Structure formats: structure tokens, C-alpha cells
N, C-alpha and C. Protein backbone atom coordinates (compact mmCIF):
# COMPACT_ATOMS: atom_id res chain seq x y z
N MET A 1 0.82 -1.19 0.00
CA MET A 1 0.00 0.00 0.00
C MET A 1 0.88 1.27 0.00
N ARG A 2 2.01 1.20 0.67
CA ARG A 2 2.90 2.36 0.73
C ARG A 2 3.40 2.73 -0.66
N LYS A 3 3.76 1.73 -1.49
CA LYS A 3 4.22 2.01 -2.85
C LYS A 3 3.13 2.66 -3.68
N LEU A 4 1.88 2.17 -3.52
CA LEU A 4 0.76 2.75 -4.25
C LEU A 4 0.56 4.21 -3.85
N THR A 5 0.62 4.49 -2.56
CA THR A 5 0.45 5.87 -2.09
C THR A 5 1.54 6.77 -2.65
N LEU A 6 2.78 6.30 -2.64
CA LEU A 6 3.89 7.07 -3.19
C LEU A 6 3.68 7.34 -4.67
N PHE A 7 3.23 6.33 -5.41
CA PHE A 7 2.96 6.50 -6.84
C PHE A 7 1.89 7.55 -7.06
N LEU A 8 0.81 7.50 -6.28
CA LEU A 8 -0.28 8.47 -6.46
C LEU A 8 0.17 9.88 -6.11
N VAL A 9 1.08 10.02 -5.15
CA VAL A 9 1.61 11.33 -4.80
C VAL A 9 2.49 11.86 -5.93
N LEU A 10 3.28 10.98 -6.55
CA LEU A 10 4.19 11.40 -7.61
C LEU A 10 3.52 11.52 -8.97
N LEU A 11 2.35 10.93 -9.15
CA LEU A 11 1.67 10.90 -10.45
C LEU A 11 1.52 12.28 -11.08
N PRO A 12 1.07 13.33 -10.36
CA PRO A 12 0.96 14.63 -11.03
C PRO A 12 2.27 15.10 -11.64
N GLY A 13 3.39 14.89 -11.00
CA GLY A 13 4.68 15.28 -11.55
C GLY A 13 5.07 14.46 -12.75
N ILE A 14 4.73 13.18 -12.74
CA ILE A 14 5.02 12.30 -13.88
C ILE A 14 4.23 12.76 -15.10
N VAL A 15 2.94 13.00 -14.91
CA VAL A 15 2.10 13.44 -16.03
C VAL A 15 2.56 14.80 -16.54
N ALA A 16 2.87 15.70 -15.60
CA ALA A 16 3.26 17.05 -16.00
C ALA A 16 4.57 17.07 -16.78
N ALA A 17 5.44 16.12 -16.53
CA ALA A 17 6.73 16.11 -17.20
C ALA A 17 6.63 15.76 -18.68
N GLN A 18 5.62 15.04 -19.08
CA GLN A 18 5.47 14.59 -20.46
C GLN A 18 4.86 15.69 -21.33
N GLY A 19 5.68 16.40 -22.07
CA GLY A 19 5.18 17.37 -23.04
C GLY A 19 4.81 18.72 -22.48
N MET A 20 5.01 18.94 -21.19
CA MET A 20 4.67 20.23 -20.59
C MET A 20 5.70 21.29 -20.99
N ARG A 21 5.23 22.53 -21.06
CA ARG A 21 6.09 23.67 -21.36
C ARG A 21 5.86 24.75 -20.32
N ASP A 22 6.84 25.64 -20.19
CA ASP A 22 6.66 26.78 -19.30
C ASP A 22 5.41 27.55 -19.73
N GLY A 23 4.62 27.94 -18.78
CA GLY A 23 3.41 28.70 -19.07
C GLY A 23 2.17 27.84 -19.24
N ASP A 24 2.32 26.52 -19.37
CA ASP A 24 1.15 25.64 -19.45
C ASP A 24 0.41 25.64 -18.12
N ARG A 25 -0.90 25.70 -18.18
CA ARG A 25 -1.73 25.62 -16.98
C ARG A 25 -2.53 24.34 -17.05
N VAL A 26 -2.46 23.54 -16.00
CA VAL A 26 -3.16 22.26 -15.96
C VAL A 26 -4.48 22.44 -15.24
N PRO A 27 -5.60 22.18 -15.92
CA PRO A 27 -6.91 22.30 -15.26
C PRO A 27 -7.12 21.14 -14.29
N ASP A 28 -7.86 21.39 -13.21
CA ASP A 28 -8.20 20.29 -12.32
C ASP A 28 -9.31 19.46 -12.96
N ALA A 29 -9.64 18.34 -12.35
CA ALA A 29 -10.60 17.39 -12.95
C ALA A 29 -11.97 18.03 -13.17
N ASP A 30 -12.45 18.82 -12.19
CA ASP A 30 -13.77 19.44 -12.34
C ASP A 30 -13.79 20.46 -13.47
N GLU A 31 -12.75 21.27 -13.57
CA GLU A 31 -12.67 22.26 -14.64
C GLU A 31 -12.60 21.60 -16.01
N LEU A 32 -11.81 20.53 -16.10
CA LEU A 32 -11.69 19.83 -17.38
C LEU A 32 -13.00 19.17 -17.78
N ALA A 33 -13.68 18.57 -16.81
CA ALA A 33 -14.98 17.94 -17.09
C ALA A 33 -15.98 18.99 -17.58
N ALA A 34 -15.98 20.17 -16.97
CA ALA A 34 -16.89 21.24 -17.38
C ALA A 34 -16.53 21.78 -18.75
N THR A 35 -15.24 21.84 -19.07
CA THR A 35 -14.79 22.34 -20.37
C THR A 35 -15.14 21.38 -21.49
N LEU A 36 -14.96 20.08 -21.26
CA LEU A 36 -15.13 19.10 -22.33
C LEU A 36 -16.55 18.56 -22.46
N GLY A 37 -17.25 18.39 -21.36
CA GLY A 37 -18.58 17.76 -21.40
C GLY A 37 -19.54 18.47 -22.33
N GLY A 38 -20.09 17.74 -23.28
CA GLY A 38 -21.05 18.32 -24.21
C GLY A 38 -20.44 19.12 -25.33
N THR A 39 -19.15 18.92 -25.60
CA THR A 39 -18.50 19.70 -26.66
C THR A 39 -17.85 18.80 -27.70
N THR A 40 -17.54 19.41 -28.82
CA THR A 40 -16.73 18.78 -29.85
C THR A 40 -15.50 19.66 -30.07
N LEU A 41 -14.33 19.05 -29.94
CA LEU A 41 -13.07 19.74 -30.20
C LEU A 41 -12.67 19.49 -31.64
N THR A 42 -12.24 20.52 -32.33
CA THR A 42 -11.69 20.37 -33.67
C THR A 42 -10.23 20.77 -33.60
N PHE A 43 -9.37 19.88 -34.10
CA PHE A 43 -7.94 20.11 -34.10
C PHE A 43 -7.52 20.71 -35.45
N TYR A 44 -6.32 21.23 -35.51
CA TYR A 44 -5.84 21.89 -36.73
C TYR A 44 -5.70 20.95 -37.91
N ASP A 45 -5.59 19.65 -37.66
CA ASP A 45 -5.51 18.70 -38.77
C ASP A 45 -6.89 18.30 -39.28
N GLY A 46 -7.96 18.87 -38.69
CA GLY A 46 -9.32 18.57 -39.11
C GLY A 46 -9.98 17.45 -38.33
N SER A 47 -9.25 16.75 -37.51
CA SER A 47 -9.85 15.68 -36.72
C SER A 47 -10.72 16.29 -35.62
N THR A 48 -11.68 15.49 -35.12
CA THR A 48 -12.58 15.96 -34.08
C THR A 48 -12.69 14.94 -32.95
N ALA A 49 -12.91 15.45 -31.77
CA ALA A 49 -13.15 14.62 -30.58
C ALA A 49 -14.41 15.15 -29.91
N SER A 50 -15.41 14.27 -29.76
CA SER A 50 -16.68 14.67 -29.16
C SER A 50 -16.83 14.03 -27.78
N PHE A 51 -17.14 14.87 -26.80
CA PHE A 51 -17.31 14.44 -25.42
C PHE A 51 -18.76 14.68 -25.02
N ARG A 52 -19.57 13.64 -25.03
CA ARG A 52 -20.99 13.79 -24.71
C ARG A 52 -21.16 13.89 -23.20
N PRO A 53 -22.20 14.58 -22.76
CA PRO A 53 -22.43 14.73 -21.31
C PRO A 53 -22.62 13.39 -20.58
N ASP A 54 -23.05 12.35 -21.30
CA ASP A 54 -23.28 11.05 -20.66
C ASP A 54 -22.02 10.19 -20.58
N GLY A 55 -20.86 10.75 -20.95
CA GLY A 55 -19.61 10.01 -20.87
C GLY A 55 -19.21 9.29 -22.15
N ARG A 56 -20.04 9.36 -23.18
CA ARG A 56 -19.69 8.74 -24.46
C ARG A 56 -18.68 9.64 -25.18
N TYR A 57 -17.84 9.01 -25.99
CA TYR A 57 -16.76 9.70 -26.68
C TYR A 57 -16.72 9.23 -28.13
N ALA A 58 -16.40 10.12 -29.04
CA ALA A 58 -16.22 9.76 -30.46
C ALA A 58 -15.07 10.57 -31.03
N TYR A 59 -14.18 9.89 -31.75
CA TYR A 59 -13.06 10.55 -32.41
C TYR A 59 -13.12 10.23 -33.89
N ARG A 60 -12.91 11.26 -34.71
CA ARG A 60 -12.93 11.08 -36.16
C ARG A 60 -11.71 11.77 -36.77
N TYR A 61 -10.92 11.00 -37.54
CA TYR A 61 -9.73 11.56 -38.19
C TYR A 61 -10.10 12.57 -39.27
N THR A 62 -10.99 12.19 -40.17
CA THR A 62 -11.44 13.07 -41.24
C THR A 62 -12.95 12.93 -41.36
N PRO A 63 -13.62 13.89 -42.01
CA PRO A 63 -15.07 13.78 -42.16
C PRO A 63 -15.53 12.51 -42.86
N GLU A 64 -14.67 11.92 -43.70
CA GLU A 64 -15.05 10.71 -44.42
C GLU A 64 -14.88 9.43 -43.59
N ASP A 65 -14.12 9.51 -42.50
CA ASP A 65 -13.84 8.33 -41.67
C ASP A 65 -15.00 8.00 -40.74
N SER A 66 -15.01 6.78 -40.27
CA SER A 66 -15.95 6.36 -39.23
C SER A 66 -15.43 6.83 -37.88
N ASP A 67 -16.35 6.98 -36.93
CA ASP A 67 -15.96 7.36 -35.58
C ASP A 67 -15.34 6.19 -34.83
N TRP A 68 -14.34 6.50 -34.02
CA TRP A 68 -13.84 5.59 -33.00
C TRP A 68 -14.63 5.96 -31.75
N VAL A 69 -15.42 5.06 -31.22
CA VAL A 69 -16.31 5.40 -30.12
C VAL A 69 -15.94 4.65 -28.85
N GLY A 70 -16.32 5.23 -27.73
CA GLY A 70 -16.06 4.63 -26.44
C GLY A 70 -16.61 5.49 -25.34
N ARG A 71 -15.98 5.38 -24.16
CA ARG A 71 -16.36 6.16 -22.99
C ARG A 71 -15.14 6.90 -22.48
N TYR A 72 -15.37 8.09 -21.92
CA TYR A 72 -14.25 8.86 -21.39
C TYR A 72 -14.48 9.19 -19.92
N ASP A 73 -13.37 9.40 -19.23
CA ASP A 73 -13.38 9.86 -17.84
C ASP A 73 -12.33 10.94 -17.70
N THR A 74 -12.68 12.01 -16.99
CA THR A 74 -11.67 13.01 -16.67
C THR A 74 -11.07 12.63 -15.33
N GLY A 75 -9.77 12.69 -15.24
CA GLY A 75 -9.07 12.34 -14.01
C GLY A 75 -8.33 13.54 -13.46
N ALA A 76 -7.49 13.28 -12.50
CA ALA A 76 -6.69 14.34 -11.89
C ALA A 76 -5.69 14.89 -12.89
N VAL A 77 -5.12 16.02 -12.58
CA VAL A 77 -4.07 16.69 -13.33
C VAL A 77 -4.34 16.81 -14.82
N GLY A 78 -5.56 17.20 -15.19
CA GLY A 78 -5.87 17.48 -16.58
C GLY A 78 -5.91 16.28 -17.50
N GLN A 79 -6.10 15.11 -16.96
CA GLN A 79 -6.04 13.90 -17.77
C GLN A 79 -7.42 13.39 -18.16
N VAL A 80 -7.51 12.92 -19.41
CA VAL A 80 -8.72 12.27 -19.90
C VAL A 80 -8.34 10.88 -20.39
N CYS A 81 -9.05 9.88 -19.88
CA CYS A 81 -8.82 8.50 -20.32
C CYS A 81 -10.03 8.02 -21.10
N VAL A 82 -9.78 7.39 -22.24
CA VAL A 82 -10.83 6.86 -23.11
C VAL A 82 -10.66 5.36 -23.20
N THR A 83 -11.77 4.65 -23.01
CA THR A 83 -11.82 3.22 -23.26
C THR A 83 -12.72 3.04 -24.48
N PHE A 84 -12.12 2.60 -25.58
CA PHE A 84 -12.87 2.44 -26.82
C PHE A 84 -13.69 1.16 -26.79
N ASP A 85 -14.77 1.15 -27.54
CA ASP A 85 -15.65 -0.01 -27.61
C ASP A 85 -14.94 -1.25 -28.13
N ASN A 86 -13.84 -1.08 -28.88
CA ASN A 86 -13.10 -2.22 -29.41
C ASN A 86 -12.12 -2.81 -28.38
N GLY A 87 -12.09 -2.23 -27.17
CA GLY A 87 -11.24 -2.76 -26.11
C GLY A 87 -9.93 -2.02 -25.92
N SER A 88 -9.54 -1.18 -26.85
CA SER A 88 -8.31 -0.41 -26.68
C SER A 88 -8.59 0.83 -25.83
N GLY A 89 -7.55 1.49 -25.41
CA GLY A 89 -7.74 2.68 -24.60
C GLY A 89 -6.50 3.55 -24.60
N ARG A 90 -6.66 4.77 -24.12
CA ARG A 90 -5.54 5.70 -24.03
C ARG A 90 -5.87 6.79 -23.03
N CYS A 91 -4.84 7.38 -22.48
CA CYS A 91 -4.99 8.53 -21.59
C CYS A 91 -4.15 9.67 -22.15
N ASP A 92 -4.76 10.82 -22.26
CA ASP A 92 -4.08 12.02 -22.73
C ASP A 92 -4.29 13.12 -21.71
N SER A 93 -3.46 14.13 -21.77
CA SER A 93 -3.59 15.28 -20.88
C SER A 93 -4.01 16.50 -21.69
N TYR A 94 -4.66 17.43 -21.01
CA TYR A 94 -5.03 18.70 -21.60
C TYR A 94 -4.47 19.81 -20.74
N VAL A 95 -3.94 20.84 -21.40
CA VAL A 95 -3.45 22.03 -20.71
C VAL A 95 -3.99 23.24 -21.43
N GLU A 96 -3.95 24.38 -20.75
CA GLU A 96 -4.23 25.64 -21.40
C GLU A 96 -2.89 26.32 -21.63
N ALA A 97 -2.65 26.71 -22.86
CA ALA A 97 -1.40 27.35 -23.23
C ALA A 97 -1.71 28.57 -24.09
N GLY A 98 -1.38 29.74 -23.60
CA GLY A 98 -1.63 30.96 -24.37
C GLY A 98 -3.10 31.16 -24.70
N GLY A 99 -3.98 30.78 -23.79
CA GLY A 99 -5.42 30.94 -24.01
C GLY A 99 -6.04 29.88 -24.90
N ARG A 100 -5.29 28.85 -25.25
CA ARG A 100 -5.77 27.79 -26.13
C ARG A 100 -5.66 26.44 -25.41
N LEU A 101 -6.65 25.58 -25.62
CA LEU A 101 -6.62 24.22 -25.09
C LEU A 101 -5.68 23.39 -25.96
N VAL A 102 -4.83 22.58 -25.32
CA VAL A 102 -3.86 21.76 -26.04
C VAL A 102 -3.93 20.34 -25.49
N LEU A 103 -4.07 19.36 -26.38
CA LEU A 103 -4.00 17.96 -26.02
C LEU A 103 -2.53 17.53 -26.04
N ILE A 104 -2.10 16.81 -24.99
CA ILE A 104 -0.76 16.26 -24.94
C ILE A 104 -0.89 14.75 -24.80
N THR A 105 -0.35 14.02 -25.76
CA THR A 105 -0.43 12.56 -25.72
C THR A 105 0.50 12.01 -24.64
N ALA A 106 0.32 10.73 -24.31
CA ALA A 106 1.18 10.07 -23.32
C ALA A 106 2.65 10.14 -23.74
N GLY A 107 2.91 10.20 -25.03
CA GLY A 107 4.28 10.29 -25.54
C GLY A 107 4.83 11.71 -25.59
N GLY A 108 4.02 12.70 -25.20
CA GLY A 108 4.48 14.08 -25.15
C GLY A 108 4.19 14.91 -26.39
N LEU A 109 3.49 14.35 -27.39
CA LEU A 109 3.14 15.13 -28.58
C LEU A 109 2.03 16.12 -28.24
N ARG A 110 2.10 17.31 -28.79
CA ARG A 110 1.12 18.37 -28.50
C ARG A 110 0.24 18.62 -29.72
N PHE A 111 -1.07 18.71 -29.49
CA PHE A 111 -2.04 19.00 -30.53
C PHE A 111 -2.96 20.12 -30.05
N PRO A 112 -2.72 21.35 -30.53
CA PRO A 112 -3.59 22.46 -30.13
C PRO A 112 -4.99 22.29 -30.70
N VAL A 113 -5.96 22.74 -29.93
CA VAL A 113 -7.36 22.69 -30.34
C VAL A 113 -7.69 23.98 -31.10
N ARG A 114 -8.21 23.82 -32.31
CA ARG A 114 -8.59 24.99 -33.12
C ARG A 114 -9.88 25.61 -32.61
N SER A 115 -10.88 24.74 -32.30
CA SER A 115 -12.14 25.27 -31.81
C SER A 115 -12.81 24.29 -30.85
N VAL A 116 -13.61 24.85 -29.94
CA VAL A 116 -14.43 24.08 -29.00
C VAL A 116 -15.86 24.50 -29.26
N GLU A 117 -16.66 23.56 -29.76
CA GLU A 117 -18.03 23.87 -30.12
C GLU A 117 -19.00 23.06 -29.28
N PRO A 118 -20.10 23.68 -28.88
CA PRO A 118 -21.14 22.90 -28.17
C PRO A 118 -21.68 21.81 -29.08
N LYS A 119 -21.94 20.69 -28.50
CA LYS A 119 -22.50 19.56 -29.26
C LYS A 119 -24.00 19.53 -29.02
N ALA A 120 -24.76 19.35 -30.07
CA ALA A 120 -26.21 19.39 -29.98
C ALA A 120 -26.79 18.21 -29.21
N GLN A 121 -26.11 17.08 -29.21
CA GLN A 121 -26.69 15.88 -28.59
C GLN A 121 -26.43 15.82 -27.13
């Protein structure tokens, strides 16, 4: 149990180290849930990520592609974890940088969000 507690204490620093830059602000779980719930994010490459208020998630690479669907959870330190219906999953972080929301993958790649739009559903 002691190792688990130590890991949970160090987890925010571990997540923050991957792809973080000076000036990045990490939203807490409640703020991130309020920002994402019921919205569709559009990235500069044209891909979209939809976060429904009921916890359902859909990602689309291009308008012609099918959605990758699943469920999402917002966690501590700006993290969102998605479990896809096909059994795969991933956790990414979100930060605010220069007034813009930015997705940071587990590998440290940064993808700025072009727009955040309310989702009708």
C-alpha cells in the first residue's frame, strides 16, 4: 500500500513532465470535465473529438472516416482517459497554453485545439 500511495503522490509530476512547457496551466478534474462535457473539439488537422455529457466519446480523423467510439473519464491533473468499444484505450492530458486548449499525448506530442463547439446531442 505504501508504494501505491507514493505512486499516487508522484503521479501529477510524472504526467506534467510529459510534453509540458513553461506557461502551461493544468486544469483540475472538475474544470476539465466542465470544459469538455457536451463539446466537440476540432484540431488543426481537421480531426474531431466529441465528449458527450453522458460520458460517451467519439473521435474522427477526417469527415469521411468512421468514428472511434467509447467512454471517457476526466481524471486528476488534466487527464482524460478513453476506453474504446473495441477494447483499446488511451490517456491524454489537456493544458491551457496561451489561451488555447492543447491535447498532450502520453508520448508528449502536442495537438492544439482549433475550436471548441457545443455539441447538440
